[in-house]
Amino acid sequence: APAIRGATPSEYAHVAQEATGIDHRAVRELARHVTNTVYSTREPERDLADRCALLAHEIDVQCRDRIPWRTRLQALFDPRLMRRCYTG
């Protein structure tokens, strides 16, 4: 889903989950961590950064799995097609 100006990470997570139909748990957890990190005065712990990277990868895989195989094959030759899939 395209970015929404002024949306909080949680609001964006809700829109992205609705647009993609992926499992909401990973999206909401990542949004929660992003929000906490943005408003924290401390640097994030390495474990948290690793967890967020894992969640982002999981979300990416779930989204890619929903893209038709033909589009994924075409995207190997023209990566702009994947952006079109994500932005509608």
PDB file of N, CA and C in Angstrom:
ATOM      1  N   ALA A   1       0.846  -1.179   0.000  1.00  0.00           N
ATOM      2  CA  ALA A   1       0.000   0.000   0.000  1.00  0.00           C
ATOM      3  C   ALA A   1       0.886   1.234   0.000  1.00  0.00           C
ATOM      4  N   PRO A   2       0.510   2.253  -0.737  1.00  0.00           N
ATOM      5  CA  PRO A   2       1.314   3.472  -0.749  1.00  0.00           C
ATOM      6  C   PRO A   2       1.268   4.171   0.603  1.00  0.00           C
ATOM      7  N   ALA A   3       2.307   4.929   0.896  1.00  0.00           N
ATOM      8  CA  ALA A   3       2.372   5.660   2.157  1.00  0.00           C
ATOM      9  C   ALA A   3       1.230   6.667   2.247  1.00  0.00           C
ATOM     10  N   ILE A   4       0.751   6.880   3.459  1.00  0.00           N
ATOM     11  CA  ILE A   4      -0.335   7.824   3.700  1.00  0.00           C
ATOM     12  C   ILE A   4       0.232   8.982   4.509  1.00  0.00           C
ATOM     13  N   ARG A   5       0.209  10.158   3.946  1.00  0.00           N
ATOM     14  CA  ARG A   5       0.773  11.331   4.627  1.00  0.00           C
ATOM     15  C   ARG A   5       0.073  11.543   5.967  1.00  0.00           C
ATOM     16  N   GLY A   6       0.876  11.656   7.022  1.00  0.00           N
ATOM     17  CA  GLY A   6       0.345  11.935   8.352  1.00  0.00           C
ATOM     18  C   GLY A   6      -0.155  10.728   9.119  1.00  0.00           C
ATOM     19  N   ALA A   7      -0.127   9.561   8.512  1.00  0.00           N
ATOM     20  CA  ALA A   7      -0.610   8.360   9.202  1.00  0.00           C
ATOM     21  C   ALA A   7       0.421   7.881  10.211  1.00  0.00           C
ATOM     22  N   THR A   8      -0.055   7.414  11.339  1.00  0.00           N
ATOM     23  CA  THR A   8       0.833   6.801  12.318  1.00  0.00           C
ATOM     24  C   THR A   8       1.228   5.424  11.792  1.00  0.00           C
ATOM     25  N   PRO A   9       2.290   4.841  12.340  1.00  0.00           N
ATOM     26  CA  PRO A   9       2.632   3.476  11.915  1.00  0.00           C
ATOM     27  C   PRO A   9       1.470   2.493  12.090  1.00  0.00           C
ATOM     28  N   SER A  10       0.707   2.628  13.166  1.00  0.00           N
ATOM     29  CA  SER A  10      -0.434   1.729  13.391  1.00  0.00           C
ATOM     30  C   SER A  10      -1.532   1.938  12.363  1.00  0.00           C
ATOM     31  N   GLU A  11      -1.793   3.196  12.023  1.00  0.00           N
ATOM     32  CA  GLU A  11      -2.811   3.486  11.001  1.00  0.00           C
ATOM     33  C   GLU A  11      -2.381   2.937   9.651  1.00  0.00           C
ATOM     34  N   TYR A  12      -1.117   3.150   9.314  1.00  0.00           N
ATOM     35  CA  TYR A  12      -0.611   2.631   8.048  1.00  0.00           C
ATOM     36  C   TYR A  12      -0.649   1.109   8.035  1.00  0.00           C
ATOM     37  N   ALA A  13      -0.297   0.483   9.158  1.00  0.00           N
ATOM     38  CA  ALA A  13      -0.328  -0.978   9.245  1.00  0.00           C
ATOM     39  C   ALA A  13      -1.730  -1.506   8.975  1.00  0.00           C
ATOM     40  N   HIS A  14      -2.731  -0.832   9.513  1.00  0.00           N
ATOM     41  CA  HIS A  14      -4.116  -1.257   9.296  1.00  0.00           C
ATOM     42  C   HIS A  14      -4.484  -1.162   7.813  1.00  0.00           C
ATOM     43  N   VAL A  15      -4.138  -0.057   7.187  1.00  0.00           N
ATOM     44  CA  VAL A  15      -4.437   0.132   5.761  1.00  0.00           C
ATOM     45  C   VAL A  15      -3.694  -0.908   4.920  1.00  0.00           C
ATOM     46  N   ALA A  16      -2.413  -1.125   5.227  1.00  0.00           N
ATOM     47  CA  ALA A  16      -1.611  -2.088   4.466  1.00  0.00           C
ATOM     48  C   ALA A  16      -2.158  -3.499   4.621  1.00  0.00           C
ATOM     49  N   GLN A  17      -2.547  -3.852   5.821  1.00  0.00           N
ATOM     50  CA  GLN A  17      -3.100  -5.192   6.061  1.00  0.00           C
ATOM     51  C   GLN A  17      -4.406  -5.373   5.296  1.00  0.00           C
ATOM     52  N   GLU A  18      -5.251  -4.357   5.324  1.00  0.00           N
ATOM     53  CA  GLU A  18      -6.519  -4.439   4.595  1.00  0.00           C
ATOM     54  C   GLU A  18      -6.286  -4.529   3.090  1.00  0.00           C
ATOM     55  N   ALA A  19      -5.307  -3.783   2.581  1.00  0.00           N
ATOM     56  CA  ALA A  19      -5.030  -3.757   1.141  1.00  0.00           C
ATOM     57  C   ALA A  19      -4.421  -5.062   0.647  1.00  0.00           C
ATOM     58  N   THR A  20      -3.632  -5.703   1.493  1.00  0.00           N
ATOM     59  CA  THR A  20      -2.917  -6.899   1.051  1.00  0.00           C
ATOM     60  C   THR A  20      -3.551  -8.201   1.515  1.00  0.00           C
ATOM     61  N   GLY A  21      -4.283  -8.144   2.626  1.00  0.00           N
ATOM     62  CA  GLY A  21      -4.885  -9.356   3.167  1.00  0.00           C
ATOM     63  C   GLY A  21      -3.902 -10.251   3.904  1.00  0.00           C
ATOM     64  N   ILE A  22      -2.720  -9.730   4.215  1.00  0.00           N
ATOM     65  CA  ILE A  22      -1.736 -10.551   4.918  1.00  0.00           C
ATOM     66  C   ILE A  22      -2.085 -10.640   6.400  1.00  0.00           C
ATOM     67  N   ASP A  23      -1.430 -11.561   7.082  1.00  0.00           N
ATOM     68  CA  ASP A  23      -1.643 -11.772   8.507  1.00  0.00           C
ATOM     69  C   ASP A  23      -1.353 -10.484   9.272  1.00  0.00           C
ATOM     70  N   HIS A  24      -2.322 -10.009  10.001  1.00  0.00           N
ATOM     71  CA  HIS A  24      -2.196  -8.719  10.680  1.00  0.00           C
ATOM     72  C   HIS A  24      -1.197  -8.721  11.835  1.00  0.00           C
ATOM     73  N   ARG A  25      -0.880  -9.863  12.383  1.00  0.00           N
ATOM     74  CA  ARG A  25      -0.019  -9.896  13.571  1.00  0.00           C
ATOM     75  C   ARG A  25       1.372  -9.329  13.288  1.00  0.00           C
ATOM     76  N   ALA A  26       1.977  -9.747  12.195  1.00  0.00           N
ATOM     77  CA  ALA A  26       3.329  -9.260  11.871  1.00  0.00           C
ATOM     78  C   ALA A  26       3.309  -7.763  11.576  1.00  0.00           C
ATOM     79  N   VAL A  27       2.311  -7.311  10.849  1.00  0.00           N
ATOM     80  CA  VAL A  27       2.217  -5.897  10.483  1.00  0.00           C
ATOM     81  C   VAL A  27       2.006  -5.040  11.731  1.00  0.00           C
ATOM     82  N   ARG A  28       1.114  -5.470  12.598  1.00  0.00           N
ATOM     83  CA  ARG A  28       0.841  -4.685  13.812  1.00  0.00           C
ATOM     84  C   ARG A  28       2.023  -4.698  14.773  1.00  0.00           C
ATOM     85  N   GLU A  29       2.691  -5.836  14.890  1.00  0.00           N
ATOM     86  CA  GLU A  29       3.855  -5.889  15.772  1.00  0.00           C
ATOM     87  C   GLU A  29       4.948  -4.951  15.268  1.00  0.00           C
ATOM     88  N   LEU A  30       5.207  -4.974  13.967  1.00  0.00           N
ATOM     89  CA  LEU A  30       6.221  -4.090  13.399  1.00  0.00           C
ATOM     90  C   LEU A  30       5.837  -2.629  13.626  1.00  0.00           C
ATOM     91  N   ALA A  31       4.581  -2.288  13.418  1.00  0.00           N
ATOM     92  CA  ALA A  31       4.117  -0.914  13.637  1.00  0.00           C
ATOM     93  C   ALA A  31       4.305  -0.500  15.094  1.00  0.00           C
ATOM     94  N   ARG A  32       4.034  -1.398  16.011  1.00  0.00           N
ATOM     95  CA  ARG A  32       4.208  -1.102  17.431  1.00  0.00           C
ATOM     96  C   ARG A  32       5.684  -0.815  17.749  1.00  0.00           C
ATOM     97  N   HIS A  33       6.579  -1.643  17.196  1.00  0.00           N
ATOM     98  CA  HIS A  33       8.008  -1.439  17.430  1.00  0.00           C
ATOM     99  C   HIS A  33       8.494  -0.127  16.808  1.00  0.00           C
ATOM    100  N   VAL A  34       8.008   0.185  15.620  1.00  0.00           N
ATOM    101  CA  VAL A  34       8.395   1.445  14.968  1.00  0.00           C
ATOM    102  C   VAL A  34       7.943   2.630  15.810  1.00  0.00           C
ATOM    103  N   THR A  35       6.705   2.597  16.275  1.00  0.00           N
ATOM    104  CA  THR A  35       6.183   3.686  17.103  1.00  0.00           C
ATOM    105  C   THR A  35       7.011   3.846  18.370  1.00  0.00           C
ATOM    106  N   ASN A  36       7.285   2.743  19.057  1.00  0.00           N
ATOM    107  CA  ASN A  36       8.065   2.808  20.296  1.00  0.00           C
ATOM    108  C   ASN A  36       9.465   3.354  20.039  1.00  0.00           C
ATOM    109  N   THR A  37      10.065   2.956  18.934  1.00  0.00           N
ATOM    110  CA  THR A  37      11.419   3.405  18.609  1.00  0.00           C
ATOM    111  C   THR A  37      11.447   4.894  18.264  1.00  0.00           C
ATOM    112  N   VAL A  38      10.466   5.341  17.517  1.00  0.00           N
ATOM    113  CA  VAL A  38      10.410   6.753  17.121  1.00  0.00           C
ATOM    114  C   VAL A  38      10.299   7.661  18.350  1.00  0.00           C
ATOM    115  N   TYR A  39       9.511   7.252  19.325  1.00  0.00           N
ATOM    116  CA  TYR A  39       9.285   8.099  20.492  1.00  0.00           C
ATOM    117  C   TYR A  39      10.230   7.821  21.653  1.00  0.00           C
ATOM    118  N   SER A  40      11.107   6.869  21.515  1.00  0.00           N
ATOM    119  CA  SER A  40      12.058   6.550  22.579  1.00  0.00           C
ATOM    120  C   SER A  40      13.255   7.496  22.522  1.00  0.00           C
ATOM    121  N   THR A  41      13.839   7.722  23.663  1.00  0.00           N
ATOM    122  CA  THR A  41      15.041   8.551  23.717  1.00  0.00           C
ATOM    123  C   THR A  41      16.304   7.693  23.624  1.00  0.00           C
ATOM    124  N   ARG A  42      16.124   6.377  23.619  1.00  0.00           N
ATOM    125  CA  ARG A  42      17.263   5.460  23.555  1.00  0.00           C
ATOM    126  C   ARG A  42      17.342   4.816  22.185  1.00  0.00           C
ATOM    127  N   GLU A  43      18.534   4.351  21.850  1.00  0.00           N
ATOM    128  CA  GLU A  43      18.728   3.586  20.623  1.00  0.00           C
ATOM    129  C   GLU A  43      18.055   2.216  20.795  1.00  0.00           C
ATOM    130  N   PRO A  44      17.492   1.657  19.725  1.00  0.00           N
ATOM    131  CA  PRO A  44      16.868   0.328  19.854  1.00  0.00           C
ATOM    132  C   PRO A  44      17.924  -0.747  20.128  1.00  0.00           C
ATOM    133  N   GLU A  45      17.528  -1.736  20.895  1.00  0.00           N
ATOM    134  CA  GLU A  45      18.397  -2.875  21.187  1.00  0.00           C
ATOM    135  C   GLU A  45      18.612  -3.676  19.902  1.00  0.00           C
ATOM    136  N   ARG A  46      19.739  -4.357  19.818  1.00  0.00           N
ATOM    137  CA  ARG A  46      20.060  -5.179  18.643  1.00  0.00           C
ATOM    138  C   ARG A  46      19.012  -6.264  18.428  1.00  0.00           C
ATOM    139  N   ASP A  47      18.522  -6.864  19.509  1.00  0.00           N
ATOM    140  CA  ASP A  47      17.485  -7.900  19.386  1.00  0.00           C
ATOM    141  C   ASP A  47      16.211  -7.345  18.742  1.00  0.00           C
ATOM    142  N   LEU A  48      15.868  -6.106  19.103  1.00  0.00           N
ATOM    143  CA  LEU A  48      14.673  -5.485  18.529  1.00  0.00           C
ATOM    144  C   LEU A  48      14.881  -5.210  17.042  1.00  0.00           C
ATOM    145  N   ALA A  49      16.051  -4.717  16.691  1.00  0.00           N
ATOM    146  CA  ALA A  49      16.348  -4.465  15.277  1.00  0.00           C
ATOM    147  C   ALA A  49      16.287  -5.767  14.478  1.00  0.00           C
ATOM    148  N   ASP A  50      16.819  -6.839  15.038  1.00  0.00           N
ATOM    149  CA  ASP A  50      16.767  -8.141  14.364  1.00  0.00           C
ATOM    150  C   ASP A  50      15.325  -8.621  14.220  1.00  0.00           C
ATOM    151  N   ARG A  51      14.522  -8.430  15.270  1.00  0.00           N
ATOM    152  CA  ARG A  51      13.114  -8.840  15.217  1.00  0.00           C
ATOM    153  C   ARG A  51      12.372  -8.053  14.138  1.00  0.00           C
ATOM    154  N   CYS A  52      12.628  -6.761  14.051  1.00  0.00           N
ATOM    155  CA  CYS A  52      11.963  -5.932  13.043  1.00  0.00           C
ATOM    156  C   CYS A  52      12.374  -6.343  11.629  1.00  0.00           C
ATOM    157  N   ALA A  53      13.639  -6.678  11.457  1.00  0.00           N
ATOM    158  CA  ALA A  53      14.097  -7.147  10.142  1.00  0.00           C
ATOM    159  C   ALA A  53      13.398  -8.449   9.777  1.00  0.00           C
ATOM    160  N   LEU A  54      13.238  -9.339  10.743  1.00  0.00           N
ATOM    161  CA  LEU A  54      12.538 -10.608  10.509  1.00  0.00           C
ATOM    162  C   LEU A  54      11.076 -10.361  10.153  1.00  0.00           C
ATOM    163  N   LEU A  55      10.416  -9.460  10.885  1.00  0.00           N
ATOM    164  CA  LEU A  55       9.018  -9.139  10.597  1.00  0.00           C
ATOM    165  C   LEU A  55       8.874  -8.528   9.205  1.00  0.00           C
ATOM    166  N   ALA A  56       9.777  -7.614   8.845  1.00  0.00           N
ATOM    167  CA  ALA A  56       9.724  -6.990   7.518  1.00  0.00           C
ATOM    168  C   ALA A  56       9.893  -8.033   6.426  1.00  0.00           C
ATOM    169  N   HIS A  57      10.804  -8.975   6.645  1.00  0.00           N
ATOM    170  CA  HIS A  57      11.001 -10.044   5.669  1.00  0.00           C
ATOM    171  C   HIS A  57       9.742 -10.915   5.555  1.00  0.00           C
ATOM    172  N   GLU A  58       9.155 -11.249   6.687  1.00  0.00           N
ATOM    173  CA  GLU A  58       7.933 -12.066   6.696  1.00  0.00           C
ATOM    174  C   GLU A  58       6.800 -11.362   5.944  1.00  0.00           C
ATOM    175  N   ILE A  59       6.648 -10.069   6.170  1.00  0.00           N
ATOM    176  CA  ILE A  59       5.610  -9.290   5.483  1.00  0.00           C
ATOM    177  C   ILE A  59       5.885  -9.256   3.983  1.00  0.00           C
ATOM    178  N   ASP A  60       7.143  -9.050   3.605  1.00  0.00           N
ATOM    179  CA  ASP A  60       7.524  -9.024   2.193  1.00  0.00           C
ATOM    180  C   ASP A  60       7.190 -10.352   1.517  1.00  0.00           C
ATOM    181  N   VAL A  61       7.529 -11.453   2.174  1.00  0.00           N
ATOM    182  CA  VAL A  61       7.251 -12.785   1.604  1.00  0.00           C
ATOM    183  C   VAL A  61       5.748 -12.987   1.440  1.00  0.00           C
ATOM    184  N   GLN A  62       4.977 -12.604   2.461  1.00  0.00           N
ATOM    185  CA  GLN A  62       3.523 -12.764   2.366  1.00  0.00           C
ATOM    186  C   GLN A  62       2.943 -11.949   1.216  1.00  0.00           C
ATOM    187  N   CYS A  63       3.439 -10.733   1.037  1.00  0.00           N
ATOM    188  CA  CYS A  63       2.945  -9.887  -0.062  1.00  0.00           C
ATOM    189  C   CYS A  63       3.338 -10.467  -1.416  1.00  0.00           C
ATOM    190  N   ARG A  64       4.593 -10.885  -1.535  1.00  0.00           N
ATOM    191  CA  ARG A  64       5.059 -11.441  -2.809  1.00  0.00           C
ATOM    192  C   ARG A  64       4.297 -12.723  -3.174  1.00  0.00           C
ATOM    193  N   ASP A  65       3.944 -13.512  -2.175  1.00  0.00           N
ATOM    194  CA  ASP A  65       3.205 -14.740  -2.441  1.00  0.00           C
ATOM    195  C   ASP A  65       1.823 -14.474  -3.030  1.00  0.00           C
ATOM    196  N   ARG A  66       1.305 -13.283  -2.835  1.00  0.00           N
ATOM    197  CA  ARG A  66      -0.022 -12.933  -3.349  1.00  0.00           C
ATOM    198  C   ARG A  66       0.027 -12.345  -4.762  1.00  0.00           C
ATOM    199  N   ILE A  67       1.233 -12.090  -5.252  1.00  0.00           N
ATOM    200  CA  ILE A  67       1.377 -11.550  -6.607  1.00  0.00           C
ATOM    201  C   ILE A  67       1.385 -12.724  -7.587  1.00  0.00           C
ATOM    202  N   PRO A  68       0.586 -12.658  -8.634  1.00  0.00           N
ATOM    203  CA  PRO A  68       0.534 -13.756  -9.606  1.00  0.00           C
ATOM    204  C   PRO A  68       1.921 -14.105 -10.156  1.00  0.00           C
ATOM    205  N   TRP A  69       2.153 -15.377 -10.398  1.00  0.00           N
ATOM    206  CA  TRP A  69       3.472 -15.853 -10.835  1.00  0.00           C
ATOM    207  C   TRP A  69       3.898 -15.189 -12.135  1.00  0.00           C
ATOM    208  N   ARG A  70       2.959 -14.925 -13.017  1.00  0.00           N
ATOM    209  CA  ARG A  70       3.293 -14.295 -14.293  1.00  0.00           C
ATOM    210  C   ARG A  70       3.872 -12.893 -14.072  1.00  0.00           C
ATOM    211  N   THR A  71       3.281 -12.146 -13.167  1.00  0.00           N
ATOM    212  CA  THR A  71       3.768 -10.803 -12.853  1.00  0.00           C
ATOM    213  C   THR A  71       5.152 -10.874 -12.225  1.00  0.00           C
ATOM    214  N   ARG A  72       5.356 -11.860 -11.330  1.00  0.00           N
ATOM    215  CA  ARG A  72       6.674 -12.014 -10.705  1.00  0.00           C
ATOM    216  C   ARG A  72       7.737 -12.348 -11.748  1.00  0.00           C
ATOM    217  N   LEU A  73       7.382 -13.184 -12.711  1.00  0.00           N
ATOM    218  CA  LEU A  73       8.317 -13.541 -13.774  1.00  0.00           C
ATOM    219  C   LEU A  73       8.635 -12.312 -14.627  1.00  0.00           C
ATOM    220  N   GLN A  74       7.616 -11.558 -14.992  1.00  0.00           N
ATOM    221  CA  GLN A  74       7.840 -10.344 -15.779  1.00  0.00           C
ATOM    222  C   GLN A  74       8.686  -9.336 -15.014  1.00  0.00           C
ATOM    223  N   ALA A  75       8.527  -9.298 -13.696  1.00  0.00           N
ATOM    224  CA  ALA A  75       9.270  -8.348 -12.867  1.00  0.00           C
ATOM    225  C   ALA A  75      10.761  -8.653 -12.847  1.00  0.00           C
ATOM    226  N   LEU A  76      11.122  -9.878 -13.155  1.00  0.00           N
ATOM    227  CA  LEU A  76      12.544 -10.189 -13.248  1.00  0.00           C
ATOM    228  C   LEU A  76      13.202  -9.376 -14.355  1.00  0.00           C
ATOM    229  N   PHE A  77      12.423  -9.051 -15.379  1.00  0.00           N
ATOM    230  CA  PHE A  77      12.933  -8.285 -16.506  1.00  0.00           C
ATOM    231  C   PHE A  77      12.632  -6.788 -16.384  1.00  0.00           C
ATOM    232  N   ASP A  78      11.563  -6.459 -15.659  1.00  0.00           N
ATOM    233  CA  ASP A  78      11.177  -5.065 -15.466  1.00  0.00           C
ATOM    234  C   ASP A  78      10.703  -4.882 -14.018  1.00  0.00           C
ATOM    235  N   PRO A  79      11.613  -4.548 -13.099  1.00  0.00           N
ATOM    236  CA  PRO A  79      11.260  -4.431 -11.680  1.00  0.00           C
ATOM    237  C   PRO A  79      10.184  -3.391 -11.379  1.00  0.00           C
ATOM    238  N   ARG A  80       9.945  -2.467 -12.297  1.00  0.00           N
ATOM    239  CA  ARG A  80       8.901  -1.463 -12.064  1.00  0.00           C
ATOM    240  C   ARG A  80       7.524  -2.110 -11.923  1.00  0.00           C
ATOM    241  N   LEU A  81       7.342  -3.307 -12.481  1.00  0.00           N
ATOM    242  CA  LEU A  81       6.056  -3.982 -12.372  1.00  0.00           C
ATOM    243  C   LEU A  81       5.711  -4.311 -10.932  1.00  0.00           C
ATOM    244  N   MET A  82       6.697  -4.657 -10.120  1.00  0.00           N
ATOM    245  CA  MET A  82       6.433  -4.983  -8.713  1.00  0.00           C
ATOM    246  C   MET A  82       5.927  -3.736  -7.985  1.00  0.00           C
ATOM    247  N   ARG A  83       6.480  -2.600  -8.292  1.00  0.00           N
ATOM    248  CA  ARG A  83       6.009  -1.366  -7.649  1.00  0.00           C
ATOM    249  C   ARG A  83       4.561  -1.108  -8.001  1.00  0.00           C
ATOM    250  N   ARG A  84       4.208  -1.345  -9.246  1.00  0.00           N
ATOM    251  CA  ARG A  84       2.814  -1.170  -9.660  1.00  0.00           C
ATOM    252  C   ARG A  84       1.891  -2.107  -8.903  1.00  0.00           C
ATOM    253  N   CYS A  85       2.341  -3.318  -8.623  1.00  0.00           N
ATOM    254  CA  CYS A  85       1.520  -4.272  -7.879  1.00  0.00           C
ATOM    255  C   CYS A  85       1.263  -3.763  -6.469  1.00  0.00           C
ATOM    256  N   TYR A  86       2.258  -3.170  -5.856  1.00  0.00           N
ATOM    257  CA  TYR A  86       2.119  -2.698  -4.481  1.00  0.00           C
ATOM    258  C   TYR A  86       1.354  -1.386  -4.382  1.00  0.00           C
ATOM    259  N   THR A  87       1.387  -0.583  -5.446  1.00  0.00           N
ATOM    260  CA  THR A  87       0.726   0.727  -5.366  1.00  0.00           C
ATOM    261  C   THR A  87      -0.624   0.746  -6.070  1.00  0.00           C
ATOM    262  N   GLY A  88      -0.996  -0.359  -6.656  1.00  0.00           N
ATOM    263  CA  GLY A  88      -2.312  -0.448  -7.264  1.00  0.00           C
ATOM    264  C   GLY A  88      -2.304   0.025  -8.649  1.00  0.00           C
TER     265      GLY A  88
END
